[in-house]
Amino acid sequence: APIYFRRPPDRDAFYGDNDLPDLAVRDGQWKFLCEYDGTEPELYNMKTDRGEKQNLAAKHPALVAKFTKACIAWHKSLPPDNGPNLVRSQKR
């Protein structure tokens, strides 16, 4: 069964990486990441690239479409986390 992940909205950085993907799914050998709206897709084959060095999204558009649709549907099924707006509201 696929395992989904949504980045907590208060974590916009991790060890200096300031552009973390918002949504992710691990399904078999594949790990897919994208933004809330499905943009900036990243696709990795975890059997051959555990270090996530080679983004295969451009080579597998059908998988990207499948995982994008699944991630967005899963995200919409959850209570809202207010995404980037939560971080802005906490800085006031």
Protein backbone atom coordinates (compact mmCIF):
# COMPACT_ATOMS: atom_id res chain seq x y z
CA ALA A 1 0.00 0.00 0.00
CA PRO A 2 1.27 3.51 -0.75
CA ILE A 3 2.52 5.65 2.12
CA TYR A 4 1.65 9.37 1.89
CA PHE A 5 3.27 12.34 3.61
CA ARG A 6 2.38 16.01 3.95
CA ARG A 7 5.06 18.38 5.17
CA PRO A 8 4.02 20.09 8.40
CA PRO A 9 3.27 23.72 7.47
CA ASP A 10 5.54 25.10 10.18
CA ARG A 11 8.57 23.30 8.71
CA ASP A 12 9.63 25.30 5.70
CA ALA A 13 13.29 24.35 6.05
CA PHE A 14 15.36 21.32 7.00
CA TYR A 15 19.10 21.51 7.61
CA GLY A 16 19.48 24.49 5.31
CA ASP A 17 17.19 23.22 2.55
CA ASN A 18 14.62 26.00 2.21
CA ASP A 19 12.53 24.59 -0.64
CA LEU A 20 11.01 21.38 0.68
CA PRO A 21 8.25 19.62 -1.27
CA ASP A 22 4.81 19.74 0.34
CA LEU A 23 3.48 16.28 -0.57
CA ALA A 24 5.06 12.88 -1.06
CA VAL A 25 4.16 9.26 -1.66
CA ARG A 26 6.21 6.09 -1.53
CA ASP A 27 4.76 3.28 -3.64
CA GLY A 28 6.90 0.21 -4.20
CA GLN A 29 10.20 1.24 -5.76
CA TRP A 30 8.99 4.80 -6.43
CA LYS A 31 9.20 7.92 -4.29
CA PHE A 32 7.28 10.94 -5.61
CA LEU A 33 7.31 14.50 -4.26
CA CYS A 34 5.51 17.68 -5.35
CA GLU A 35 4.06 20.98 -4.19
CA TYR A 36 0.46 21.34 -2.94
CA ASP A 37 -0.70 22.13 -6.49
CA GLY A 38 1.25 19.29 -8.09
CA THR A 39 4.01 21.45 -9.51
CA GLU A 40 7.75 20.77 -9.22
CA PRO A 41 7.44 16.97 -9.44
CA GLU A 42 10.32 14.78 -8.33
CA LEU A 43 10.35 11.03 -9.00
CA TYR A 44 13.02 8.66 -7.72
CA ASN A 45 13.56 4.93 -8.15
CA MET A 46 14.52 3.92 -4.63
CA LYS A 47 15.84 0.52 -5.74
CA THR A 48 18.54 2.07 -7.90
CA ASP A 49 18.90 5.59 -6.44
CA ARG A 50 18.57 5.59 -2.66
CA GLY A 51 20.38 8.93 -2.47
CA GLU A 52 17.71 10.59 -4.65
CA LYS A 53 20.26 12.03 -7.07
CA GLN A 54 18.44 11.40 -10.38
CA ASN A 55 14.99 12.96 -10.77
CA LEU A 56 13.17 10.70 -13.26
CA ALA A 57 9.99 12.80 -13.53
CA ALA A 58 10.64 13.85 -17.13
CA LYS A 59 11.24 10.24 -18.19
CA HIS A 60 8.04 8.87 -16.63
CA PRO A 61 5.17 11.34 -17.29
CA ALA A 62 2.48 8.68 -16.77
CA LEU A 63 3.79 7.90 -13.28
CA VAL A 64 4.06 11.62 -12.50
CA ALA A 65 0.42 12.13 -13.55
CA LYS A 66 -0.72 9.13 -11.49
CA PHE A 67 1.18 10.13 -8.35
CA THR A 68 0.27 13.83 -8.68
CA LYS A 69 -3.42 12.99 -8.87
CA ALA A 70 -3.15 10.58 -5.93
CA CYS A 71 -1.19 13.02 -3.73
CA ILE A 72 -3.56 15.91 -4.36
CA ALA A 73 -6.63 13.74 -3.73
CA TRP A 74 -5.11 12.42 -0.50
CA HIS A 75 -4.15 15.96 0.61
CA LYS A 76 -7.69 17.23 -0.05
CA SER A 77 -9.13 14.39 2.04
CA LEU A 78 -7.31 15.66 5.14
CA PRO A 79 -8.22 18.56 7.41
CA PRO A 80 -6.66 21.77 6.05
CA ASP A 81 -3.22 22.66 7.36
CA ASN A 82 -3.24 26.16 5.82
CA GLY A 83 0.07 25.47 4.09
CA PRO A 84 2.20 28.59 3.58
CA ASN A 85 -0.44 30.85 5.17
CA LEU A 86 0.14 29.23 8.58
CA VAL A 87 3.80 30.24 8.59
CA ARG A 88 2.94 33.82 7.61
CA SER A 89 0.28 34.08 10.34
CA GLN A 90 2.74 32.87 13.01
CA LYS A 91 5.24 35.61 12.14
CA ARG A 92 2.85 38.43 13.04
